[in-house]
Amino acid sequence: MDLRRAAVGLQKAVAEKLGIKPRIRTGASGDMTVLVNGANVFNYRKEGSIPGTEALLQRIADSLRSTV
């Protein structure tokens, strides 16, 4: 799986649907981390796979609600 491509697609989806730009870090070692307001929302190494875009959008929305 191309994690960089997934990260770019996710950033675009989050910007369009939630109006924010999350910080998404990818590494050469096959890692991808999604941070929203400094909180870790998703880490590929810990979970082993990437859930669908809608599932990640829901996690991000839930994270935003919990910080308000």
N, C-alpha and C. Protein backbone atom coordinates (compact mmCIF):
# COMPACT_ATOMS: atom_id res chain seq x y z
N MET A 1 0.84 -1.18 0.00
CA MET A 1 0.00 0.00 0.00
C MET A 1 0.88 1.24 0.00
N ASP A 2 0.52 2.21 -0.79
CA ASP A 2 1.24 3.47 -0.86
C ASP A 2 0.67 4.41 0.21
N LEU A 3 1.37 4.49 1.35
CA LEU A 3 0.86 5.29 2.46
C LEU A 3 0.87 6.79 2.17
N ARG A 4 1.82 7.24 1.37
CA ARG A 4 1.85 8.67 1.03
C ARG A 4 0.63 9.06 0.20
N ARG A 5 0.26 8.20 -0.73
CA ARG A 5 -0.92 8.47 -1.55
C ARG A 5 -2.18 8.46 -0.67
N ALA A 6 -2.24 7.51 0.25
CA ALA A 6 -3.38 7.43 1.17
C ALA A 6 -3.43 8.69 2.04
N ALA A 7 -2.28 9.17 2.48
CA ALA A 7 -2.23 10.37 3.32
C ALA A 7 -2.74 11.60 2.57
N VAL A 8 -2.33 11.76 1.33
CA VAL A 8 -2.77 12.90 0.53
C VAL A 8 -4.29 12.84 0.30
N GLY A 9 -4.79 11.65 -0.03
CA GLY A 9 -6.22 11.48 -0.23
C GLY A 9 -7.01 11.77 1.03
N LEU A 10 -6.49 11.33 2.17
CA LEU A 10 -7.16 11.57 3.43
C LEU A 10 -7.16 13.06 3.78
N GLN A 11 -6.04 13.74 3.55
CA GLN A 11 -5.99 15.18 3.82
C GLN A 11 -7.03 15.92 3.00
N LYS A 12 -7.16 15.57 1.74
CA LYS A 12 -8.14 16.22 0.88
C LYS A 12 -9.56 15.95 1.37
N ALA A 13 -9.84 14.71 1.75
CA ALA A 13 -11.18 14.35 2.22
C ALA A 13 -11.53 15.09 3.51
N VAL A 14 -10.57 15.18 4.42
CA VAL A 14 -10.81 15.87 5.69
C VAL A 14 -11.05 17.36 5.45
N ALA A 15 -10.26 17.96 4.57
CA ALA A 15 -10.43 19.38 4.27
C ALA A 15 -11.81 19.64 3.65
N GLU A 16 -12.24 18.77 2.75
CA GLU A 16 -13.53 18.95 2.09
C GLU A 16 -14.70 18.72 3.04
N LYS A 17 -14.64 17.67 3.84
CA LYS A 17 -15.79 17.28 4.66
C LYS A 17 -15.82 17.93 6.03
N LEU A 18 -14.64 18.19 6.62
CA LEU A 18 -14.61 18.73 7.98
C LEU A 18 -14.05 20.15 8.06
N GLY A 19 -13.47 20.62 6.97
CA GLY A 19 -12.97 21.99 6.93
C GLY A 19 -11.71 22.22 7.74
N ILE A 20 -10.94 21.18 8.00
CA ILE A 20 -9.68 21.32 8.72
C ILE A 20 -8.59 20.60 7.95
N LYS A 21 -7.35 20.88 8.31
CA LYS A 21 -6.23 20.19 7.68
C LYS A 21 -5.46 19.45 8.77
N PRO A 22 -5.64 18.13 8.82
CA PRO A 22 -4.91 17.37 9.83
C PRO A 22 -3.44 17.26 9.45
N ARG A 23 -2.62 16.97 10.43
CA ARG A 23 -1.20 16.72 10.15
C ARG A 23 -1.06 15.23 9.96
N ILE A 24 -0.55 14.84 8.82
CA ILE A 24 -0.36 13.42 8.53
C ILE A 24 1.11 13.21 8.23
N ARG A 25 1.71 12.34 9.01
CA ARG A 25 3.13 12.04 8.83
C ARG A 25 3.28 10.64 8.26
N THR A 26 4.12 10.53 7.26
CA THR A 26 4.46 9.22 6.72
C THR A 26 5.96 9.03 6.86
N GLY A 27 6.36 7.79 6.99
CA GLY A 27 7.78 7.50 7.14
C GLY A 27 8.22 6.44 6.15
N ALA A 28 9.50 6.42 5.90
CA ALA A 28 10.05 5.45 4.96
C ALA A 28 9.90 4.02 5.47
N SER A 29 9.69 3.88 6.76
CA SER A 29 9.59 2.55 7.35
C SER A 29 8.17 1.99 7.33
N GLY A 30 7.29 2.58 6.51
CA GLY A 30 5.93 2.07 6.40
C GLY A 30 5.03 2.53 7.51
N ASP A 31 5.19 3.74 7.95
CA ASP A 31 4.36 4.27 9.03
C ASP A 31 3.54 5.45 8.55
N MET A 32 2.37 5.60 9.11
CA MET A 32 1.52 6.76 8.83
C MET A 32 0.80 7.11 10.12
N THR A 33 0.89 8.37 10.53
CA THR A 33 0.24 8.84 11.73
C THR A 33 -0.62 10.04 11.37
N VAL A 34 -1.85 10.07 11.89
CA VAL A 34 -2.77 11.18 11.67
C VAL A 34 -2.93 11.90 13.00
N LEU A 35 -2.61 13.20 13.01
CA LEU A 35 -2.73 14.02 14.20
C LEU A 35 -3.74 15.13 13.95
N VAL A 36 -4.62 15.35 14.92
CA VAL A 36 -5.59 16.45 14.86
C VAL A 36 -5.47 17.22 16.16
N ASN A 37 -5.15 18.49 16.06
CA ASN A 37 -4.93 19.33 17.25
C ASN A 37 -3.94 18.69 18.20
N GLY A 38 -2.91 18.06 17.66
CA GLY A 38 -1.87 17.44 18.46
C GLY A 38 -2.22 16.05 19.00
N ALA A 39 -3.46 15.62 18.82
CA ALA A 39 -3.87 14.30 19.32
C ALA A 39 -3.70 13.25 18.23
N ASN A 40 -3.15 12.11 18.60
CA ASN A 40 -2.97 11.01 17.66
C ASN A 40 -4.31 10.33 17.43
N VAL A 41 -4.80 10.40 16.20
CA VAL A 41 -6.10 9.81 15.85
C VAL A 41 -5.91 8.43 15.23
N PHE A 42 -4.80 8.23 14.54
CA PHE A 42 -4.56 6.96 13.86
C PHE A 42 -3.08 6.73 13.69
N ASN A 43 -2.64 5.48 13.88
CA ASN A 43 -1.26 5.10 13.63
C ASN A 43 -1.25 3.74 12.94
N TYR A 44 -0.73 3.73 11.72
CA TYR A 44 -0.73 2.51 10.90
C TYR A 44 0.04 1.37 11.56
N ARG A 45 1.17 1.66 12.15
CA ARG A 45 1.98 0.60 12.77
C ARG A 45 1.23 -0.08 13.91
N LYS A 46 0.51 0.69 14.70
CA LYS A 46 -0.23 0.11 15.83
C LYS A 46 -1.43 -0.71 15.36
N GLU A 47 -2.09 -0.23 14.30
CA GLU A 47 -3.32 -0.89 13.87
C GLU A 47 -3.12 -1.92 12.77
N GLY A 48 -2.06 -1.78 11.98
CA GLY A 48 -1.74 -2.78 10.98
C GLY A 48 -2.44 -2.64 9.65
N SER A 49 -3.47 -1.83 9.60
CA SER A 49 -4.17 -1.59 8.33
C SER A 49 -4.86 -0.23 8.42
N ILE A 50 -5.26 0.27 7.26
CA ILE A 50 -5.93 1.56 7.22
C ILE A 50 -7.43 1.32 7.05
N PRO A 51 -8.23 1.84 7.98
CA PRO A 51 -9.67 1.72 7.79
C PRO A 51 -10.10 2.59 6.61
N GLY A 52 -11.30 2.44 6.16
CA GLY A 52 -11.79 3.26 5.06
C GLY A 52 -11.79 4.73 5.40
N THR A 53 -11.85 5.55 4.37
CA THR A 53 -11.84 7.00 4.55
C THR A 53 -12.96 7.46 5.47
N GLU A 54 -14.15 6.92 5.29
CA GLU A 54 -15.29 7.34 6.13
C GLU A 54 -15.05 7.01 7.60
N ALA A 55 -14.45 5.86 7.87
CA ALA A 55 -14.15 5.48 9.26
C ALA A 55 -13.12 6.43 9.87
N LEU A 56 -12.10 6.80 9.09
CA LEU A 56 -11.11 7.75 9.59
C LEU A 56 -11.72 9.14 9.77
N LEU A 57 -12.59 9.55 8.86
CA LEU A 57 -13.27 10.84 9.01
C LEU A 57 -14.10 10.85 10.30
N GLN A 58 -14.74 9.74 10.61
CA GLN A 58 -15.53 9.65 11.84
C GLN A 58 -14.64 9.75 13.08
N ARG A 59 -13.49 9.09 13.05
CA ARG A 59 -12.54 9.18 14.17
C ARG A 59 -12.09 10.61 14.37
N ILE A 60 -11.79 11.30 13.27
CA ILE A 60 -11.32 12.68 13.36
C ILE A 60 -12.43 13.57 13.91
N ALA A 61 -13.65 13.39 13.42
CA ALA A 61 -14.79 14.18 13.91
C ALA A 61 -15.00 13.91 15.40
N ASP A 62 -14.91 12.66 15.82
CA ASP A 62 -15.06 12.32 17.23
C ASP A 62 -13.96 12.97 18.06
N SER A 63 -12.74 12.98 17.54
CA SER A 63 -11.62 13.61 18.23
C SER A 63 -11.85 15.11 18.38
N LEU A 64 -12.38 15.73 17.34
CA LEU A 64 -12.66 17.17 17.41
C LEU A 64 -13.73 17.47 18.45
N ARG A 65 -14.76 16.62 18.51
CA ARG A 65 -15.84 16.83 19.49
C ARG A 65 -15.33 16.66 20.91
N SER A 66 -14.41 15.75 21.12
CA SER A 66 -13.93 15.49 22.47
C SER A 66 -12.98 16.59 22.98
N THR A 67 -12.43 17.39 22.08
CA THR A 67 -11.53 18.47 22.49
C THR A 67 -12.25 19.78 22.69
N VAL A 68 -13.53 19.83 22.37
CA VAL A 68 -14.28 21.09 22.52
C VAL A 68 -14.83 21.20 23.90
